N, C-alpha and C. Protein backbone atom coordinates (compact mmCIF):
# COMPACT_ATOMS: atom_id res chain seq x y z
N MET A 1 -10.93 5.60 -4.28
CA MET A 1 -10.21 4.68 -5.15
C MET A 1 -11.07 3.43 -5.36
N THR A 2 -11.20 2.99 -6.61
CA THR A 2 -11.98 1.80 -6.90
C THR A 2 -11.21 0.55 -6.48
N ARG A 3 -11.91 -0.56 -6.43
CA ARG A 3 -11.24 -1.82 -6.11
C ARG A 3 -10.19 -2.15 -7.18
N ALA A 4 -10.55 -1.92 -8.42
CA ALA A 4 -9.61 -2.20 -9.51
C ALA A 4 -8.35 -1.35 -9.37
N GLU A 5 -8.51 -0.09 -9.04
CA GLU A 5 -7.35 0.78 -8.86
C GLU A 5 -6.50 0.32 -7.67
N LYS A 6 -7.17 -0.08 -6.60
CA LYS A 6 -6.48 -0.57 -5.41
C LYS A 6 -5.67 -1.82 -5.75
N ALA A 7 -6.28 -2.72 -6.53
CA ALA A 7 -5.61 -3.97 -6.91
C ALA A 7 -4.42 -3.71 -7.84
N VAL A 8 -4.59 -2.83 -8.80
CA VAL A 8 -3.49 -2.50 -9.72
C VAL A 8 -2.34 -1.89 -8.94
N GLU A 9 -2.64 -1.02 -8.01
CA GLU A 9 -1.61 -0.40 -7.18
C GLU A 9 -0.83 -1.47 -6.40
N LYS A 10 -1.56 -2.42 -5.81
CA LYS A 10 -0.92 -3.49 -5.05
C LYS A 10 -0.02 -4.32 -5.95
N ASN A 11 -0.48 -4.61 -7.16
CA ASN A 11 0.31 -5.40 -8.10
C ASN A 11 1.59 -4.65 -8.47
N LYS A 12 1.48 -3.38 -8.67
CA LYS A 12 2.67 -2.58 -9.01
C LYS A 12 3.65 -2.48 -7.85
N GLU A 13 3.17 -2.74 -6.63
CA GLU A 13 4.05 -2.78 -5.45
C GLU A 13 4.80 -4.10 -5.37
N GLY A 14 4.45 -5.06 -6.22
CA GLY A 14 5.17 -6.33 -6.25
C GLY A 14 4.37 -7.55 -5.83
N TYR A 15 3.11 -7.36 -5.52
CA TYR A 15 2.26 -8.50 -5.17
C TYR A 15 1.75 -9.15 -6.45
N ASN A 16 1.47 -10.46 -6.40
CA ASN A 16 1.01 -11.13 -7.61
C ASN A 16 -0.45 -10.80 -7.89
N CYS A 17 -0.92 -11.30 -9.02
CA CYS A 17 -2.27 -10.98 -9.50
C CYS A 17 -3.35 -11.44 -8.52
N ALA A 18 -3.23 -12.64 -8.00
CA ALA A 18 -4.23 -13.17 -7.06
C ALA A 18 -4.23 -12.36 -5.77
N GLN A 19 -3.05 -12.09 -5.25
CA GLN A 19 -2.94 -11.29 -4.03
C GLN A 19 -3.57 -9.92 -4.22
N SER A 20 -3.30 -9.32 -5.35
CA SER A 20 -3.78 -7.96 -5.61
C SER A 20 -5.29 -7.88 -5.64
N VAL A 21 -5.93 -8.85 -6.30
CA VAL A 21 -7.39 -8.85 -6.38
C VAL A 21 -7.99 -9.16 -5.02
N LEU A 22 -7.50 -10.19 -4.34
CA LEU A 22 -8.06 -10.52 -3.04
C LEU A 22 -7.89 -9.35 -2.07
N TYR A 23 -6.76 -8.69 -2.12
CA TYR A 23 -6.52 -7.52 -1.25
C TYR A 23 -7.61 -6.47 -1.41
N ALA A 24 -8.04 -6.25 -2.65
CA ALA A 24 -9.04 -5.21 -2.92
C ALA A 24 -10.38 -5.51 -2.27
N PHE A 25 -10.64 -6.78 -1.96
CA PHE A 25 -11.91 -7.18 -1.37
C PHE A 25 -11.80 -7.62 0.09
N ALA A 26 -10.60 -7.85 0.56
CA ALA A 26 -10.38 -8.50 1.86
C ALA A 26 -11.13 -7.82 3.01
N ALA A 27 -10.94 -6.55 3.18
CA ALA A 27 -11.53 -5.87 4.34
C ALA A 27 -13.05 -5.97 4.33
N ASP A 28 -13.66 -5.79 3.17
CA ASP A 28 -15.12 -5.84 3.09
C ASP A 28 -15.67 -7.26 3.24
N CYS A 29 -14.80 -8.24 3.10
CA CYS A 29 -15.22 -9.65 3.24
C CYS A 29 -14.78 -10.24 4.58
N GLY A 30 -14.27 -9.39 5.47
CA GLY A 30 -13.92 -9.86 6.81
C GLY A 30 -12.59 -10.56 6.92
N LEU A 31 -11.69 -10.31 5.99
CA LEU A 31 -10.37 -10.95 6.00
C LEU A 31 -9.31 -9.89 6.23
N ASP A 32 -8.41 -10.14 7.19
CA ASP A 32 -7.34 -9.17 7.37
C ASP A 32 -6.36 -9.29 6.20
N ALA A 33 -5.80 -8.16 5.79
CA ALA A 33 -4.97 -8.10 4.59
C ALA A 33 -3.78 -9.04 4.66
N GLU A 34 -3.13 -9.11 5.79
CA GLU A 34 -1.93 -9.94 5.91
C GLU A 34 -2.25 -11.42 5.67
N THR A 35 -3.33 -11.90 6.25
CA THR A 35 -3.74 -13.29 6.04
C THR A 35 -4.13 -13.51 4.58
N GLY A 36 -4.85 -12.56 4.02
CA GLY A 36 -5.25 -12.66 2.62
C GLY A 36 -4.07 -12.72 1.68
N MET A 37 -3.06 -11.92 1.96
CA MET A 37 -1.87 -11.91 1.11
C MET A 37 -1.15 -13.25 1.19
N ALA A 38 -1.04 -13.79 2.39
CA ALA A 38 -0.37 -15.08 2.55
C ALA A 38 -1.18 -16.19 1.87
N LEU A 39 -2.48 -16.21 2.12
CA LEU A 39 -3.36 -17.22 1.54
C LEU A 39 -3.30 -17.25 0.02
N SER A 40 -3.27 -16.11 -0.61
CA SER A 40 -3.35 -16.02 -2.07
C SER A 40 -2.00 -16.08 -2.78
N THR A 41 -0.91 -16.12 -2.04
CA THR A 41 0.42 -16.13 -2.67
C THR A 41 0.57 -17.23 -3.70
N GLY A 42 0.16 -18.43 -3.38
CA GLY A 42 0.35 -19.57 -4.27
C GLY A 42 -0.51 -19.58 -5.52
N PHE A 43 -1.44 -18.64 -5.61
CA PHE A 43 -2.35 -18.62 -6.75
C PHE A 43 -1.87 -17.75 -7.90
N GLY A 44 -0.75 -17.05 -7.73
CA GLY A 44 -0.25 -16.15 -8.77
C GLY A 44 0.23 -16.90 -10.01
N ALA A 45 0.14 -16.22 -11.14
CA ALA A 45 0.60 -16.75 -12.44
C ALA A 45 -0.04 -18.10 -12.75
N GLY A 46 -1.34 -18.17 -12.51
CA GLY A 46 -2.07 -19.38 -12.86
C GLY A 46 -1.82 -20.53 -11.91
N ILE A 47 -1.69 -20.24 -10.63
CA ILE A 47 -1.42 -21.16 -9.53
C ILE A 47 0.03 -21.64 -9.59
N GLY A 48 0.84 -20.98 -8.79
CA GLY A 48 2.25 -21.37 -8.65
C GLY A 48 3.03 -21.31 -9.96
N ARG A 49 2.67 -20.37 -10.80
CA ARG A 49 3.34 -20.17 -12.08
C ARG A 49 3.16 -21.37 -13.03
N THR A 50 2.10 -22.17 -12.82
CA THR A 50 1.81 -23.27 -13.75
C THR A 50 0.95 -22.80 -14.90
N GLN A 51 0.46 -21.59 -14.81
CA GLN A 51 -0.34 -20.93 -15.83
C GLN A 51 -1.65 -21.63 -16.13
N GLY A 52 -2.25 -22.17 -15.09
CA GLY A 52 -3.61 -22.70 -15.20
C GLY A 52 -4.59 -21.54 -15.13
N ILE A 53 -5.58 -21.62 -14.26
CA ILE A 53 -6.55 -20.55 -14.18
C ILE A 53 -5.87 -19.25 -13.74
N CYS A 54 -6.23 -18.18 -14.39
CA CYS A 54 -5.65 -16.85 -14.15
C CYS A 54 -5.67 -16.52 -12.66
N GLY A 55 -4.54 -16.06 -12.16
CA GLY A 55 -4.44 -15.69 -10.75
C GLY A 55 -5.39 -14.58 -10.35
N ALA A 56 -5.59 -13.62 -11.25
CA ALA A 56 -6.52 -12.53 -10.95
C ALA A 56 -7.94 -13.09 -10.79
N ALA A 57 -8.30 -14.03 -11.65
CA ALA A 57 -9.61 -14.68 -11.53
C ALA A 57 -9.68 -15.49 -10.24
N SER A 58 -8.60 -16.18 -9.88
CA SER A 58 -8.57 -16.94 -8.63
C SER A 58 -8.76 -16.03 -7.42
N GLY A 59 -8.14 -14.87 -7.45
CA GLY A 59 -8.31 -13.90 -6.36
C GLY A 59 -9.76 -13.49 -6.21
N ALA A 60 -10.43 -13.28 -7.34
CA ALA A 60 -11.84 -12.91 -7.30
C ALA A 60 -12.70 -14.06 -6.78
N VAL A 61 -12.37 -15.29 -7.18
CA VAL A 61 -13.11 -16.46 -6.69
C VAL A 61 -12.94 -16.58 -5.18
N MET A 62 -11.76 -16.33 -4.68
CA MET A 62 -11.55 -16.36 -3.23
C MET A 62 -12.40 -15.30 -2.54
N ALA A 63 -12.48 -14.11 -3.13
CA ALA A 63 -13.30 -13.04 -2.55
C ALA A 63 -14.77 -13.43 -2.55
N LEU A 64 -15.23 -14.04 -3.63
CA LEU A 64 -16.63 -14.50 -3.67
C LEU A 64 -16.88 -15.56 -2.62
N GLY A 65 -15.91 -16.46 -2.43
CA GLY A 65 -16.04 -17.47 -1.40
C GLY A 65 -16.11 -16.86 -0.01
N LEU A 66 -15.30 -15.85 0.22
CA LEU A 66 -15.33 -15.17 1.52
C LEU A 66 -16.69 -14.55 1.78
N LYS A 67 -17.24 -13.96 0.76
CA LYS A 67 -18.52 -13.25 0.94
C LYS A 67 -19.71 -14.21 0.99
N TYR A 68 -19.69 -15.25 0.15
CA TYR A 68 -20.87 -16.10 0.00
C TYR A 68 -20.68 -17.55 0.40
N GLY A 69 -19.48 -17.94 0.79
CA GLY A 69 -19.20 -19.33 1.09
C GLY A 69 -19.81 -19.83 2.39
N LYS A 70 -19.98 -21.12 2.46
CA LYS A 70 -20.50 -21.78 3.66
C LYS A 70 -19.43 -21.74 4.74
N ARG A 71 -19.80 -21.24 5.90
CA ARG A 71 -18.85 -21.04 6.99
C ARG A 71 -18.96 -22.05 8.12
N ASN A 72 -20.11 -22.70 8.24
CA ASN A 72 -20.29 -23.62 9.37
C ASN A 72 -21.37 -24.64 9.07
N ASP A 73 -21.55 -25.57 9.98
CA ASP A 73 -22.50 -26.67 9.80
C ASP A 73 -23.96 -26.23 9.84
N THR A 74 -24.22 -25.06 10.38
CA THR A 74 -25.61 -24.61 10.47
C THR A 74 -26.12 -24.03 9.16
N GLU A 75 -25.21 -23.69 8.27
CA GLU A 75 -25.62 -23.15 6.97
C GLU A 75 -25.89 -24.32 6.01
N GLY A 76 -26.93 -24.19 5.25
CA GLY A 76 -27.34 -25.28 4.37
C GLY A 76 -26.64 -25.30 3.02
N ARG A 77 -26.99 -26.32 2.27
CA ARG A 77 -26.44 -26.55 0.93
C ARG A 77 -26.70 -25.36 0.00
N GLU A 78 -27.78 -24.63 0.23
CA GLU A 78 -28.11 -23.49 -0.63
C GLU A 78 -27.02 -22.43 -0.60
N LYS A 79 -26.30 -22.34 0.49
CA LYS A 79 -25.18 -21.40 0.61
C LYS A 79 -24.09 -21.78 -0.39
N ILE A 80 -23.78 -23.05 -0.47
CA ILE A 80 -22.77 -23.53 -1.42
C ILE A 80 -23.25 -23.30 -2.85
N GLU A 81 -24.50 -23.63 -3.12
CA GLU A 81 -25.04 -23.47 -4.47
C GLU A 81 -25.01 -22.01 -4.92
N ASP A 82 -25.37 -21.11 -4.02
CA ASP A 82 -25.33 -19.69 -4.35
C ASP A 82 -23.91 -19.26 -4.69
N CYS A 83 -22.96 -19.69 -3.88
CA CYS A 83 -21.56 -19.34 -4.13
C CYS A 83 -21.10 -19.91 -5.46
N TYR A 84 -21.38 -21.19 -5.71
CA TYR A 84 -20.99 -21.81 -6.99
C TYR A 84 -21.60 -21.07 -8.17
N ASN A 85 -22.87 -20.70 -8.06
CA ASN A 85 -23.52 -19.97 -9.15
C ASN A 85 -22.85 -18.64 -9.42
N ARG A 86 -22.51 -17.92 -8.38
CA ARG A 86 -21.82 -16.64 -8.54
C ARG A 86 -20.44 -16.82 -9.17
N VAL A 87 -19.73 -17.86 -8.74
CA VAL A 87 -18.40 -18.15 -9.31
C VAL A 87 -18.53 -18.52 -10.78
N GLN A 88 -19.49 -19.35 -11.12
CA GLN A 88 -19.68 -19.74 -12.51
C GLN A 88 -20.02 -18.54 -13.39
N GLU A 89 -20.90 -17.68 -12.90
CA GLU A 89 -21.26 -16.47 -13.65
C GLU A 89 -20.03 -15.59 -13.83
N PHE A 90 -19.26 -15.44 -12.76
CA PHE A 90 -18.03 -14.64 -12.84
C PHE A 90 -17.10 -15.21 -13.91
N LEU A 91 -16.83 -16.52 -13.85
CA LEU A 91 -15.89 -17.14 -14.79
C LEU A 91 -16.37 -17.06 -16.23
N ARG A 92 -17.68 -17.23 -16.44
CA ARG A 92 -18.22 -17.09 -17.81
C ARG A 92 -18.00 -15.67 -18.33
N ALA A 93 -18.30 -14.70 -17.49
CA ALA A 93 -18.13 -13.30 -17.90
C ALA A 93 -16.66 -12.97 -18.14
N PHE A 94 -15.79 -13.48 -17.27
CA PHE A 94 -14.35 -13.25 -17.43
C PHE A 94 -13.87 -13.83 -18.76
N ALA A 95 -14.23 -15.08 -19.04
CA ALA A 95 -13.80 -15.73 -20.29
C ALA A 95 -14.36 -15.00 -21.51
N ALA A 96 -15.60 -14.55 -21.43
CA ALA A 96 -16.20 -13.83 -22.55
C ALA A 96 -15.46 -12.53 -22.84
N GLU A 97 -15.08 -11.86 -21.80
CA GLU A 97 -14.40 -10.56 -21.95
C GLU A 97 -12.91 -10.71 -22.28
N ALA A 98 -12.23 -11.60 -21.56
CA ALA A 98 -10.77 -11.73 -21.72
C ALA A 98 -10.38 -12.72 -22.81
N GLY A 99 -11.29 -13.63 -23.16
CA GLY A 99 -10.98 -14.62 -24.18
C GLY A 99 -10.66 -16.00 -23.62
N SER A 100 -10.38 -16.08 -22.33
CA SER A 100 -10.04 -17.34 -21.68
C SER A 100 -9.95 -17.09 -20.18
N THR A 101 -9.95 -18.17 -19.42
CA THR A 101 -9.66 -18.07 -17.99
C THR A 101 -8.26 -18.61 -17.71
N GLN A 102 -7.58 -19.12 -18.72
CA GLN A 102 -6.29 -19.77 -18.55
C GLN A 102 -5.14 -18.78 -18.77
N CYS A 103 -4.27 -18.68 -17.80
CA CYS A 103 -3.15 -17.75 -17.83
C CYS A 103 -2.30 -17.92 -19.10
N ARG A 104 -1.95 -19.15 -19.43
CA ARG A 104 -1.09 -19.38 -20.60
C ARG A 104 -1.74 -18.85 -21.88
N GLU A 105 -3.04 -19.04 -22.02
CA GLU A 105 -3.75 -18.53 -23.20
C GLU A 105 -3.83 -17.01 -23.18
N LEU A 106 -4.09 -16.45 -22.02
CA LEU A 106 -4.16 -14.99 -21.90
C LEU A 106 -2.83 -14.34 -22.25
N LEU A 107 -1.74 -15.04 -21.93
CA LEU A 107 -0.40 -14.51 -22.22
C LEU A 107 0.16 -15.06 -23.53
N SER A 108 -0.71 -15.45 -24.42
CA SER A 108 -0.33 -15.88 -25.78
C SER A 108 0.71 -16.99 -25.79
N GLY A 109 0.59 -17.93 -24.88
CA GLY A 109 1.48 -19.08 -24.87
C GLY A 109 2.83 -18.84 -24.20
N CYS A 110 3.06 -17.66 -23.67
CA CYS A 110 4.31 -17.36 -22.99
C CYS A 110 4.46 -18.29 -21.79
N ASP A 111 5.58 -18.98 -21.69
CA ASP A 111 5.83 -19.96 -20.62
C ASP A 111 6.60 -19.30 -19.48
N LEU A 112 5.89 -18.94 -18.43
CA LEU A 112 6.51 -18.24 -17.30
C LEU A 112 7.39 -19.12 -16.43
N SER A 113 7.42 -20.42 -16.72
CA SER A 113 8.27 -21.31 -15.92
C SER A 113 9.70 -21.37 -16.45
N THR A 114 9.97 -20.70 -17.56
CA THR A 114 11.31 -20.69 -18.14
C THR A 114 11.89 -19.28 -18.12
N GLU A 115 13.20 -19.21 -18.15
CA GLU A 115 13.86 -17.90 -18.21
C GLU A 115 13.52 -17.19 -19.52
N GLU A 116 13.43 -17.95 -20.60
CA GLU A 116 13.08 -17.37 -21.90
C GLU A 116 11.67 -16.77 -21.85
N GLY A 117 10.77 -17.51 -21.22
CA GLY A 117 9.39 -17.03 -21.10
C GLY A 117 9.29 -15.77 -20.25
N LYS A 118 10.05 -15.74 -19.18
CA LYS A 118 10.05 -14.54 -18.32
C LYS A 118 10.61 -13.34 -19.09
N ALA A 119 11.64 -13.57 -19.89
CA ALA A 119 12.21 -12.49 -20.71
C ALA A 119 11.19 -12.04 -21.76
N TYR A 120 10.51 -13.00 -22.39
CA TYR A 120 9.49 -12.68 -23.38
C TYR A 120 8.38 -11.85 -22.75
N PHE A 121 7.97 -12.22 -21.55
CA PHE A 121 6.93 -11.50 -20.81
C PHE A 121 7.32 -10.02 -20.68
N LYS A 122 8.56 -9.78 -20.29
CA LYS A 122 9.03 -8.40 -20.12
C LYS A 122 9.18 -7.69 -21.45
N GLU A 123 9.81 -8.34 -22.41
CA GLU A 123 10.06 -7.73 -23.71
C GLU A 123 8.77 -7.33 -24.44
N HIS A 124 7.73 -8.12 -24.27
CA HIS A 124 6.48 -7.87 -24.98
C HIS A 124 5.43 -7.20 -24.09
N ASN A 125 5.87 -6.68 -22.96
CA ASN A 125 5.02 -5.92 -22.04
C ASN A 125 3.71 -6.66 -21.72
N LEU A 126 3.82 -7.95 -21.46
CA LEU A 126 2.63 -8.74 -21.13
C LEU A 126 2.07 -8.41 -19.75
N LYS A 127 2.81 -7.64 -18.99
CA LYS A 127 2.31 -7.16 -17.69
C LYS A 127 1.00 -6.40 -17.89
N GLU A 128 0.87 -5.72 -19.03
CA GLU A 128 -0.37 -4.98 -19.32
C GLU A 128 -1.56 -5.93 -19.42
N THR A 129 -1.33 -7.12 -19.96
CA THR A 129 -2.39 -8.13 -20.01
C THR A 129 -2.80 -8.50 -18.60
N CYS A 130 -1.83 -8.71 -17.75
CA CYS A 130 -2.13 -9.06 -16.35
C CYS A 130 -2.90 -7.94 -15.66
N LEU A 131 -2.48 -6.70 -15.88
CA LEU A 131 -3.18 -5.57 -15.26
C LEU A 131 -4.62 -5.48 -15.77
N SER A 132 -4.83 -5.79 -17.04
CA SER A 132 -6.19 -5.81 -17.59
C SER A 132 -7.03 -6.89 -16.91
N CYS A 133 -6.42 -8.04 -16.69
CA CYS A 133 -7.12 -9.15 -16.03
C CYS A 133 -7.44 -8.81 -14.58
N ILE A 134 -6.54 -8.11 -13.92
CA ILE A 134 -6.77 -7.67 -12.55
C ILE A 134 -7.96 -6.71 -12.50
N ARG A 135 -7.97 -5.73 -13.41
CA ARG A 135 -9.07 -4.77 -13.45
C ARG A 135 -10.39 -5.49 -13.73
N LEU A 136 -10.38 -6.35 -14.73
CA LEU A 136 -11.58 -7.08 -15.11
C LEU A 136 -12.09 -7.94 -13.96
N SER A 137 -11.20 -8.65 -13.29
CA SER A 137 -11.59 -9.50 -12.17
C SER A 137 -12.26 -8.68 -11.07
N CYS A 138 -11.69 -7.55 -10.75
CA CYS A 138 -12.28 -6.70 -9.72
C CYS A 138 -13.66 -6.20 -10.13
N ASP A 139 -13.77 -5.74 -11.35
CA ASP A 139 -15.06 -5.22 -11.82
C ASP A 139 -16.13 -6.31 -11.85
N LEU A 140 -15.79 -7.47 -12.36
CA LEU A 140 -16.77 -8.55 -12.45
C LEU A 140 -17.12 -9.13 -11.08
N ALA A 141 -16.14 -9.23 -10.20
CA ALA A 141 -16.43 -9.72 -8.85
C ALA A 141 -17.34 -8.74 -8.12
N GLN A 142 -17.09 -7.46 -8.31
CA GLN A 142 -17.95 -6.44 -7.70
C GLN A 142 -19.38 -6.59 -8.23
N GLU A 143 -19.52 -6.80 -9.52
CA GLU A 143 -20.86 -7.01 -10.10
C GLU A 143 -21.51 -8.25 -9.52
N ALA A 144 -20.75 -9.32 -9.39
CA ALA A 144 -21.29 -10.57 -8.84
C ALA A 144 -21.76 -10.39 -7.41
N MET A 145 -21.11 -9.48 -6.69
CA MET A 145 -21.49 -9.23 -5.30
C MET A 145 -22.71 -8.32 -5.19
N GLU A 146 -22.97 -7.57 -6.25
CA GLU A 146 -24.08 -6.63 -6.21
C GLU A 146 -25.39 -7.23 -6.71
N GLU A 147 -25.32 -8.20 -7.61
CA GLU A 147 -26.57 -8.74 -8.18
C GLU A 147 -27.20 -9.76 -7.24
N LYS A 148 -28.40 -10.12 -7.54
CA LYS A 148 -29.23 -11.09 -6.80
C LYS A 148 -29.78 -10.44 -5.58
């Protein structure tokens, strides 16, 4: 099963977009799934349903941080720079492919903070947009982890 398939499956089980993407990378990045799920809960629907940066993209950024982030005082500034570069490349590629990194834009202005917006999301099957973003985030994060 690919990471994207694993993440889509998790999302269909009821986990949010950020949780689903981070879950797909957690074990390989040294994070236990339960901690990863708790950590990423607040990042769903563009961070706490504020529809800022896409939760699926946030999950991938967390995975990149786990793999490449500075962990202690003995690691130098180059560790941070490498992580930032990978995150920037990921976000550029995500925006180029999806059209934006912002949840509200990806969901065509649908306001998930209102009951009307939640109904619109369901009626217009915008879940498919989220699943596409989850797949894309997994694929691009995997690429970011393989290059260099």
